[in-house]
Protein backbone atom coordinates (compact mmCIF):
# COMPACT_ATOMS: atom_id res chain seq x y z
CA MET A 1 81.98 159.87 46.79
CA GLY A 2 85.49 161.11 47.41
CA SER A 3 88.66 159.42 46.29
CA PHE A 4 90.76 157.23 48.54
CA MET A 5 94.08 158.41 49.91
CA LEU A 6 96.99 155.96 50.04
CA THR A 7 99.40 156.60 52.89
CA LYS A 8 102.27 154.86 54.68
CA VAL A 9 103.01 152.73 51.66
CA HIS A 10 106.49 151.61 50.76
CA LEU A 11 106.22 150.37 47.20
CA LEU A 12 109.04 149.53 44.85
CA LYS A 13 106.78 148.68 41.95
CA CYS A 14 103.10 149.33 41.20
CA ARG A 15 101.23 148.45 38.04
CA ILE A 16 97.64 148.29 36.82
CA ALA A 17 96.31 144.75 36.42
CA SER A 18 94.52 143.62 33.30
CA CYS A 19 91.37 142.83 35.28
CA PRO A 20 88.94 145.78 34.81
CA GLY A 21 88.20 147.87 37.88
CA ARG A 22 91.04 146.44 39.96
CA ILE A 23 94.41 147.83 40.93
CA ARG A 24 97.22 145.39 41.44
CA ILE A 25 99.82 146.45 43.94
CA SER A 26 102.98 144.41 44.13
CA TYR A 27 105.82 145.17 46.52
CA TRP A 28 108.95 143.54 47.83
CA ASN A 29 108.93 144.70 51.42
CA ARG A 30 106.12 143.24 53.54
CA ARG A 31 104.93 146.57 54.91
CA SER A 32 101.31 147.29 55.76
CA ILE A 33 99.10 149.52 53.69
CA CYS A 34 96.71 152.04 55.20
CA PHE A 35 93.71 153.32 53.30
CA CYS A 36 91.85 156.28 54.71
CA SER A 37 88.19 156.75 53.86
CA LEU A 38 86.43 159.81 55.21
CA GLY A 39 89.10 160.06 57.88
CA PHE A 40 88.68 156.49 59.21
CA PRO A 41 91.67 154.23 58.47
CA LEU A 42 91.27 150.69 57.20
CA TRP A 43 94.41 148.57 57.76
CA LYS A 44 95.07 145.59 55.60
CA PRO A 45 98.47 143.89 55.89
CA LYS A 46 100.03 142.06 52.95
CA LEU A 47 97.41 143.26 50.49
CA ASN A 48 98.12 142.17 46.90
CA TRP A 49 94.79 142.99 45.22
CA LEU A 50 92.46 145.88 45.87
CA SER A 51 89.03 146.15 44.27
CA TYR A 52 88.21 149.83 43.78
CA GLU A 53 84.51 149.08 43.38
CA TRP A 54 84.43 147.11 46.60
CA MET A 55 86.17 149.86 48.53
CA GLN A 56 83.82 152.45 47.05
CA HIS A 57 80.83 150.35 48.08
CA MET A 58 82.15 150.09 51.64
CA GLN A 59 82.66 153.84 51.78
CA MET A 60 79.10 154.49 50.59
CA ALA A 61 77.71 151.96 53.06
CA TRP A 62 79.50 153.65 55.96
CA PHE A 63 78.24 157.07 54.92
CA ARG A 64 74.68 155.77 54.53
CA HIS A 65 74.79 154.25 58.01
CA MET A 66 75.98 157.50 59.57
CA ILE A 67 73.44 159.68 57.79
CA SER A 68 70.09 158.03 57.73
CA GLY A 69 68.86 155.00 56.02
CA CYS A 70 69.41 152.04 53.79
CA PHE A 71 70.08 151.33 50.17
CA LYS A 72 67.34 149.74 48.15
CA SER A 73 67.46 146.16 49.21
CA THR A 74 65.42 143.03 49.41
CA GLU A 75 63.00 143.31 52.31
CA LEU A 76 61.50 140.73 54.57
CA PRO A 77 57.95 139.66 53.69
CA PRO A 78 55.25 142.01 55.06
CA LYS A 79 53.15 141.08 58.08
CA GLN A 80 50.19 138.78 57.55
CA GLY A 81 47.23 140.56 55.96
CA ILE A 82 49.38 143.46 54.73
CA LYS A 83 50.08 143.67 51.03
CA VAL A 84 52.95 145.53 49.39
CA GLU A 85 52.35 146.41 45.77
CA GLU A 86 55.42 147.37 43.75
CA ASN A 87 55.09 149.84 40.91
CA SER A 88 57.27 152.18 38.90
CA GLY A 89 56.73 154.98 41.38
CA GLY A 90 57.28 153.33 44.76
CA GLN A 91 55.56 150.83 47.03
CA ASP A 92 51.91 150.87 48.12
CA VAL A 93 51.25 149.26 51.50
CA PHE A 94 47.65 148.44 52.43
CA ASP A 95 45.33 145.89 54.00
CA ALA A 96 44.40 143.28 51.37
CA ASP A 97 40.91 142.65 52.79
CA ALA A 98 40.11 146.37 52.99
CA MET A 99 41.09 146.91 49.37
CA ASN A 100 38.79 144.09 48.27
CA SER A 101 35.82 145.43 50.22
CA LYS A 102 33.07 147.61 48.79
CA VAL A 103 34.45 150.70 50.53
CA SER A 104 38.21 150.90 49.99
CA PRO A 105 40.51 153.36 51.83
CA GLU A 106 40.26 156.94 50.62
CA HIS A 107 43.26 158.47 52.40
CA LEU A 108 46.70 158.34 50.76
CA VAL A 109 49.81 158.81 52.94
CA ILE A 110 53.06 159.63 51.15
CA MET A 111 56.16 158.54 53.10
CA VAL A 112 59.45 160.22 52.14
CA ASN A 113 62.95 159.06 53.08
CA GLY A 114 65.93 161.21 53.99
CA LEU A 115 69.51 161.58 52.77
CA MET A 116 70.94 158.30 51.46
CA GLY A 117 67.68 156.60 52.44
CA SER A 118 65.15 154.42 50.63
CA ALA A 119 61.54 153.28 50.74
CA ALA A 120 62.58 150.54 53.17
CA ASP A 121 63.23 153.15 55.88
CA TRP A 122 59.47 153.58 56.42
CA ARG A 123 58.62 149.89 56.44
CA PHE A 124 57.88 149.61 60.17
CA ALA A 125 55.77 152.78 60.37
CA ALA A 126 53.82 151.91 57.22
CA GLU A 127 52.86 148.48 58.55
CA GLN A 128 51.80 149.93 61.91
CA PHE A 129 49.59 152.48 60.16
CA VAL A 130 47.87 149.76 58.12
CA LYS A 131 47.41 147.49 61.15
CA LYS A 132 45.85 150.34 63.16
CA LEU A 133 43.72 151.85 60.36
CA PRO A 134 43.28 149.10 57.75
CA ASP A 135 40.09 150.48 56.21
CA LYS A 136 41.22 154.13 56.18
CA LEU A 137 44.71 154.42 54.74
CA ILE A 138 46.87 153.46 51.79
CA MET A 139 50.54 154.02 52.57
CA HIS A 140 52.82 154.92 49.68
CA ARG A 141 56.54 154.62 50.41
CA SER A 142 58.24 156.85 47.88
CA GLU A 143 61.34 155.59 46.12
CA CYS A 144 61.96 158.18 43.42
CA ASN A 145 64.75 159.65 45.59
CA TYR A 146 67.00 157.02 47.11
CA SER A 147 70.70 156.42 47.71
CA LYS A 148 72.88 158.85 45.69
CA LEU A 149 69.81 160.42 44.05
CA THR A 150 69.36 162.30 47.32
CA PHE A 151 72.46 164.36 46.40
CA ASP A 152 70.62 165.99 43.46
CA GLY A 153 69.19 168.87 45.47
CA VAL A 154 65.90 169.62 47.24
CA ASP A 155 64.32 171.15 44.13
CA MET A 156 65.09 168.29 41.75
CA MET A 157 64.05 165.72 44.36
CA GLY A 158 60.87 167.69 45.02
CA GLU A 159 59.98 167.72 41.33
CA ARG A 160 60.48 163.95 41.14
CA LEU A 161 58.35 163.43 44.25
CA ALA A 162 55.57 165.61 42.83
CA GLN A 163 55.49 163.54 39.64
CA GLU A 164 55.45 160.32 41.65
CA VAL A 165 52.51 161.53 43.76
CA LEU A 166 50.55 162.47 40.63
CA SER A 167 51.16 159.00 39.16
CA VAL A 168 49.88 157.35 42.36
CA VAL A 169 46.76 159.54 42.40
CA LYS A 170 46.11 158.72 38.75
CA ARG A 171 46.31 154.99 39.47
CA ARG A 172 43.95 155.26 42.45
CA PRO A 173 40.94 157.42 41.52
CA GLU A 174 39.14 156.41 44.72
CA ILE A 175 41.57 158.50 46.83
CA LYS A 176 40.14 161.72 48.28
CA LYS A 177 42.59 162.78 51.00
CA ILE A 178 46.36 163.09 51.20
CA SER A 179 48.98 163.33 53.95
CA PHE A 180 52.78 163.43 54.02
CA VAL A 181 55.15 161.82 56.51
CA ALA A 182 58.84 162.57 55.96
CA HIS A 183 62.19 161.95 57.65
CA SER A 184 65.21 164.27 57.73
CA LEU A 185 66.00 165.79 54.31
CA GLY A 186 62.77 164.21 53.06
CA GLY A 187 60.82 166.85 54.98
CA LEU A 188 62.34 169.60 52.84
CA VAL A 189 61.68 167.57 49.70
CA ALA A 190 58.04 167.10 50.74
CA ARG A 191 57.68 170.84 51.41
CA TYR A 192 58.95 171.57 47.91
CA ALA A 193 56.67 168.95 46.35
CA ILE A 194 53.49 170.24 47.98
CA GLY A 195 54.36 173.73 46.76
CA ARG A 196 54.37 172.31 43.25
CA LEU A 197 51.18 170.26 43.77
CA TYR A 198 49.11 172.98 45.47
CA LYS A 199 46.03 174.41 43.75
CA HIS A 200 43.36 176.82 44.95
CA SER A 201 40.33 175.67 42.98
CA PRO A 202 36.55 176.20 42.87
CA LYS A 203 34.70 173.82 45.14
CA LEU A 204 33.51 170.79 43.24
CA GLY A 205 29.77 170.16 43.17
CA GLN A 206 28.90 173.56 44.62
CA SER A 207 29.84 176.11 41.98
CA GLY A 208 26.66 175.58 39.96
CA LEU A 209 24.41 175.85 42.98
CA TYR A 210 26.16 178.97 44.18
CA ALA A 211 26.05 180.58 40.74
CA ASN A 212 22.29 179.98 40.50
CA SER A 213 21.71 181.64 43.86
CA ILE A 214 23.28 184.91 42.75
CA THR A 215 21.96 184.99 39.19
CA GLU A 216 19.06 187.27 40.15
CA GLU A 217 21.42 189.88 41.60
CA VAL A 218 24.52 189.55 39.47
CA THR A 219 24.45 188.78 35.78
CA ASN A 220 28.13 189.22 35.06
CA SER A 221 29.61 185.72 34.60
CA SER A 222 33.11 186.79 35.64
CA MET A 223 31.78 188.06 38.96
CA GLN A 224 30.04 184.75 39.47
CA TYR A 225 33.35 182.95 39.00
CA LEU A 226 35.20 185.22 41.41
CA LYS A 227 32.62 184.67 44.12
CA GLN A 228 32.51 180.91 43.91
CA PRO A 229 33.59 179.16 47.12
CA CYS A 230 37.10 177.79 46.65
CA GLU A 231 39.12 175.12 48.40
CA ASP A 232 42.77 174.20 48.73
CA ARG A 233 43.95 171.01 47.08
CA VAL A 234 47.26 169.18 46.94
CA ALA A 235 47.50 166.87 43.92
CA GLY A 236 43.74 167.38 43.60
CA LEU A 237 43.11 165.90 47.06
CA GLU A 238 42.10 167.25 50.45
CA PRO A 239 45.29 167.87 52.49
CA MET A 240 45.19 166.46 56.02
CA ASN A 241 48.51 165.86 57.86
CA PHE A 242 52.00 167.16 57.09
CA ILE A 243 54.44 165.49 59.49
CA THR A 244 58.23 165.64 59.62
CA PHE A 245 60.75 163.71 61.72
CA ALA A 246 64.13 165.29 62.48
CA THR A 247 63.94 167.55 59.42
CA PRO A 248 66.42 170.47 59.12
CA HIS A 249 63.71 173.02 58.32
CA LEU A 250 66.13 175.90 58.91
CA GLY A 251 68.99 174.19 57.16
CA SER A 252 72.22 172.92 58.71
CA ARG A 253 74.09 176.24 58.74
CA GLY A 254 74.48 177.90 62.10
CA HIS A 255 75.57 177.12 65.61
CA LYS A 256 74.90 173.46 66.52
CA GLN A 257 72.50 172.94 63.63
CA LEU A 258 74.77 170.03 62.67
CA PRO A 259 75.58 168.68 66.17
CA LEU A 260 78.23 166.30 64.81
CA LEU A 261 80.54 169.33 64.61
CA CYS A 262 80.25 169.89 68.39
CA GLY A 263 79.42 173.57 67.94
CA LEU A 264 83.03 174.45 67.02
CA PRO A 265 82.90 177.59 64.83
CA PHE A 266 85.85 176.68 62.59
CA LEU A 267 84.38 173.25 61.86
CA GLU A 268 80.93 174.70 61.16
CA GLU A 269 82.45 177.24 58.77
CA ARG A 270 84.50 174.56 57.04
CA ALA A 271 81.44 172.28 56.71
CA SER A 272 79.51 175.10 55.06
CA GLN A 273 82.29 175.47 52.49
CA THR A 274 82.69 171.77 51.73
CA ALA A 275 79.19 170.28 52.16
CA HIS A 276 78.71 170.09 48.39
CA LEU A 277 81.70 167.74 48.15
CA VAL A 278 79.91 165.23 50.38
CA ALA A 279 76.23 165.69 49.52
CA GLY A 280 76.22 167.47 46.15
CA ARG A 281 73.55 170.12 45.50
CA SER A 282 71.66 168.91 48.57
CA GLY A 283 74.66 169.97 50.65
CA LYS A 284 74.53 173.44 49.11
CA HIS A 285 70.84 173.72 49.88
CA LEU A 286 71.27 172.55 53.47
CA PHE A 287 74.02 175.10 54.14
CA LEU A 288 72.33 177.85 52.09
CA THR A 289 75.34 178.28 49.80
CA ASP A 290 73.41 177.80 46.56
CA ASN A 291 73.13 180.77 44.22
CA ASP A 292 71.35 179.49 41.11
CA GLU A 293 71.14 182.27 38.53
CA GLY A 294 71.64 184.88 41.23
CA LYS A 295 68.59 183.75 43.22
CA ARG A 296 68.38 183.64 46.98
CA PRO A 297 69.19 180.26 48.62
CA LEU A 298 66.38 177.77 48.03
CA LEU A 299 65.49 177.31 51.71
CA LEU A 300 64.96 181.07 52.02
CA ARG A 301 62.64 181.00 49.02
CA MET A 302 60.72 178.07 50.48
CA VAL A 303 59.35 180.07 53.44
CA ASP A 304 56.95 182.04 51.28
CA ASP A 305 54.92 181.82 48.09
CA SER A 306 56.31 182.61 44.66
CA ASP A 307 54.58 182.95 41.32
CA ASP A 308 54.58 179.24 40.49
CA LEU A 309 55.37 177.57 43.82
CA LYS A 310 53.00 178.21 46.75
CA PHE A 311 55.08 176.86 49.62
CA ILE A 312 53.29 178.54 52.54
CA SER A 313 49.81 178.32 51.02
CA ALA A 314 50.38 174.58 50.59
CA LEU A 315 51.47 174.17 54.22
CA ARG A 316 48.51 176.24 55.41
CA ALA A 317 46.14 173.99 53.46
CA PHE A 318 46.90 170.99 55.70
CA LYS A 319 44.70 170.45 58.73
CA ARG A 320 47.80 169.68 60.83
CA ARG A 321 51.51 170.42 60.57
CA VAL A 322 53.67 168.46 63.00
CA ALA A 323 57.44 168.60 63.62
CA TYR A 324 58.94 165.71 65.61
CA ALA A 325 62.41 166.69 66.86
CA ASN A 326 65.18 165.02 68.84
CA ALA A 327 66.01 167.15 71.86
CA ASN A 328 69.38 165.45 72.25
CA TYR A 329 71.75 162.82 70.80
CA ASP A 330 70.81 163.58 67.20
CA TYR A 331 74.21 164.22 65.62
CA MET A 332 72.85 165.01 62.16
CA VAL A 333 70.03 167.53 62.78
CA GLY A 334 69.93 170.09 65.59
CA TRP A 335 66.99 170.66 67.91
CA ARG A 336 66.29 174.23 66.77
CA THR A 337 66.19 173.47 63.07
CA SER A 338 64.05 170.35 63.44
CA SER A 339 61.50 172.03 65.73
CA ILE A 340 61.49 175.45 63.95
CA ARG A 341 62.33 177.42 67.09
CA ARG A 342 64.64 180.13 68.29
CA GLN A 343 67.18 179.17 70.95
CA ASN A 344 65.22 180.91 73.73
CA GLU A 345 62.03 179.09 72.71
CA LEU A 346 63.41 175.61 73.35
CA PRO A 347 61.98 173.84 76.43
CA LYS A 348 64.19 173.59 79.49
CA SER A 349 66.90 170.95 79.46
CA ASN A 350 65.33 168.92 82.29
CA LEU A 351 62.88 167.22 79.92
CA LEU A 352 60.55 164.77 81.65
CA VAL A 353 58.30 162.03 80.37
CA ILE A 354 54.78 163.37 80.06
CA ASP A 355 52.98 160.13 79.17
CA GLU A 356 54.00 156.61 80.18
CA LYS A 357 52.37 155.35 76.99
CA TYR A 358 54.98 157.31 75.00
CA PRO A 359 58.09 157.25 77.23
CA HIS A 360 60.32 159.04 74.73
CA VAL A 361 57.90 161.87 73.97
CA VAL A 362 58.93 164.51 76.50
CA TYR A 363 57.26 167.72 75.36
CA VAL A 364 54.31 168.63 73.15
CA GLU A 365 53.57 172.18 72.06
CA ARG A 366 50.50 173.09 70.03
CA GLU A 367 50.36 176.51 68.44
CA THR A 368 47.08 178.16 67.56
CA THR A 369 46.21 180.78 64.98
CA ASN A 370 45.92 183.35 67.79
CA ASN A 371 49.46 182.55 68.96
CA ILE A 372 50.71 183.05 65.42
CA GLN A 373 48.93 186.40 65.09
CA ASN A 374 50.32 187.64 68.42
CA LYS A 375 53.85 186.66 67.43
CA ALA A 376 53.43 188.28 64.03
CA SER A 377 52.29 191.58 65.55
CA PHE A 378 55.22 191.50 67.99
CA ILE A 379 57.87 191.14 65.27
CA SER A 380 56.07 192.98 62.46
CA GLY A 381 58.21 196.07 62.83
CA ALA A 382 61.48 194.20 63.22
CA GLN A 383 63.68 193.91 60.16
CA THR A 384 66.39 191.26 60.20
CA SER A 385 69.09 190.04 57.85
CA ASP A 386 69.68 186.87 59.87
CA VAL A 387 68.73 184.01 57.55
CA GLU A 388 67.65 181.72 60.37
CA GLU A 389 65.28 184.35 61.76
CA VAL A 390 63.87 184.98 58.28
CA MET A 391 63.12 181.26 57.88
CA ILE A 392 61.53 181.01 61.32
CA GLN A 393 59.30 184.01 60.65
CA GLY A 394 58.32 182.59 57.27
CA LEU A 395 57.54 179.06 58.43
CA THR A 396 55.65 180.17 61.53
CA GLN A 397 53.11 182.07 59.46
CA VAL A 398 51.15 178.85 60.00
CA PRO A 399 50.69 177.04 63.33
CA TRP A 400 52.74 173.92 64.06
CA GLU A 401 52.52 171.13 66.57
CA ARG A 402 55.98 170.45 67.99
CA VAL A 403 56.73 167.08 69.54
CA ASP A 404 60.09 166.85 71.32
CA VAL A 405 61.63 163.43 71.73
CA SER A 406 64.45 162.27 73.98
CA PHE A 407 66.24 158.92 73.94
CA GLN A 408 68.59 159.98 76.72
CA LYS A 409 68.03 156.79 78.73
CA SER A 410 67.96 154.51 75.72
CA LYS A 411 70.81 152.29 74.58
CA GLN A 412 69.96 153.47 71.07
CA ARG A 413 70.42 157.15 71.89
CA TYR A 414 73.58 157.47 69.80
CA VAL A 415 71.55 156.70 66.67
CA ALA A 416 68.63 158.91 67.67
CA HIS A 417 68.40 160.35 64.16
CA ASN A 418 67.28 156.94 62.89
CA THR A 419 65.58 155.75 66.08
CA ILE A 420 62.97 158.53 65.99
CA GLN A 421 61.78 157.05 62.66
CA VAL A 422 62.50 153.36 63.46
CA THR A 423 64.52 153.08 60.27
CA SER A 424 65.33 149.48 61.17
CA TYR A 425 63.30 147.76 63.88
CA TRP A 426 66.25 145.67 65.05
CA LEU A 427 68.50 148.72 65.49
CA ASN A 428 65.97 151.44 66.35
CA SER A 429 63.10 149.67 68.15
CA ASP A 430 63.06 152.17 71.02
CA GLY A 431 61.41 154.64 68.69
CA THR A 432 58.23 152.58 68.36
CA ASP A 433 56.37 154.71 70.90
CA VAL A 434 57.12 157.82 68.81
CA VAL A 435 55.66 156.13 65.73
CA PHE A 436 52.58 155.09 67.73
CA HIS A 437 52.23 158.67 69.02
CA MET A 438 52.07 159.83 65.41
CA ILE A 439 49.50 157.18 64.46
CA HIS A 440 47.23 157.77 67.45
CA ASN A 441 47.08 161.52 66.73
CA PHE A 442 46.71 161.15 62.97
CA LEU A 443 43.72 162.83 61.31
CA VAL A 444 41.95 160.40 58.99
């Protein structure tokens, strides 16, 4: 994190103490000292000793609270009947009785945290999944990217997540299906990881049968291989659901894509220039200022397939793709970028509750393949250099379900970015209906 700035200090003598990691400040006048961290002053009168490590920890804790989640920390015990199994690659959450039965769950759900988050951020949702579908699902809360590791960039985090998923699949050979549920920056990391894990392979158990059926007509073995029925696999498993919560799919660059900046152009331009100072390579990726080896920004590359990373093919392989988005009061991720829409495609501002069972779900839009084809034909002749439009056109090559959420009448609306996920039940409990909406519509 950044260094601390010492202001309004009248010192006649200052020396470094012998105690490691501490700065001793001695002075003769009893004036106050003001320390500014990220623009928020912390006043401490008559301060003789200052622990640099302690101040740095407080700065990191404040930033974590503003952005998304929690540091790795000791959690409360899981609910009765739910078991959490720690391993080198994260935490598996499942029903103990179901795992001991003859038919154990065959569907693996990978849960990915956002910027400065941890596996603990998905604790509530994971337990609700297991309680609702105990014999169907194994929840894996990823922890390969937590705390300051989330500053390493979407690509590096995606590679780590891909390796973690492969290690989980290797440990659990009974798994046949896979889904992803991700929050904030974690949605971009998950999109990168599935591009790495995607394979288009011959259908297991059918290639021999199919080859025999064409032997009489075609004797060329290479032709037999080419005509085998194939199937899409992610980490060798059948892809089912790909779900994101408040994910900046179009990045954070652009008007009101980072609502914290209040849509002021000079602040948005300044943020684009300095994001890497706050969030490292991840900041560069979010604001599309990365230029690794002369390549296009990573988020632009992630809206199509490349030679070794099949980003769109991987997304298309999932039965469902769902984007949950905050329509208001999310100060970290704008509505357009989280719902993958143009400004004129956003629902009207007078959002109304559509289901009393889910009071904070205010709009649901389900695209179909026909809708996608009609849109594609409409814009096929249009060439654009606008990076946001390029990303929208790329990502909407596949149909999405968009679920708009509003906490406008909630006391927790000012932390909507965390409430939509229920990062902490005690602070974000109003988002429970959104989590239940996800579970009740989940394909198993």
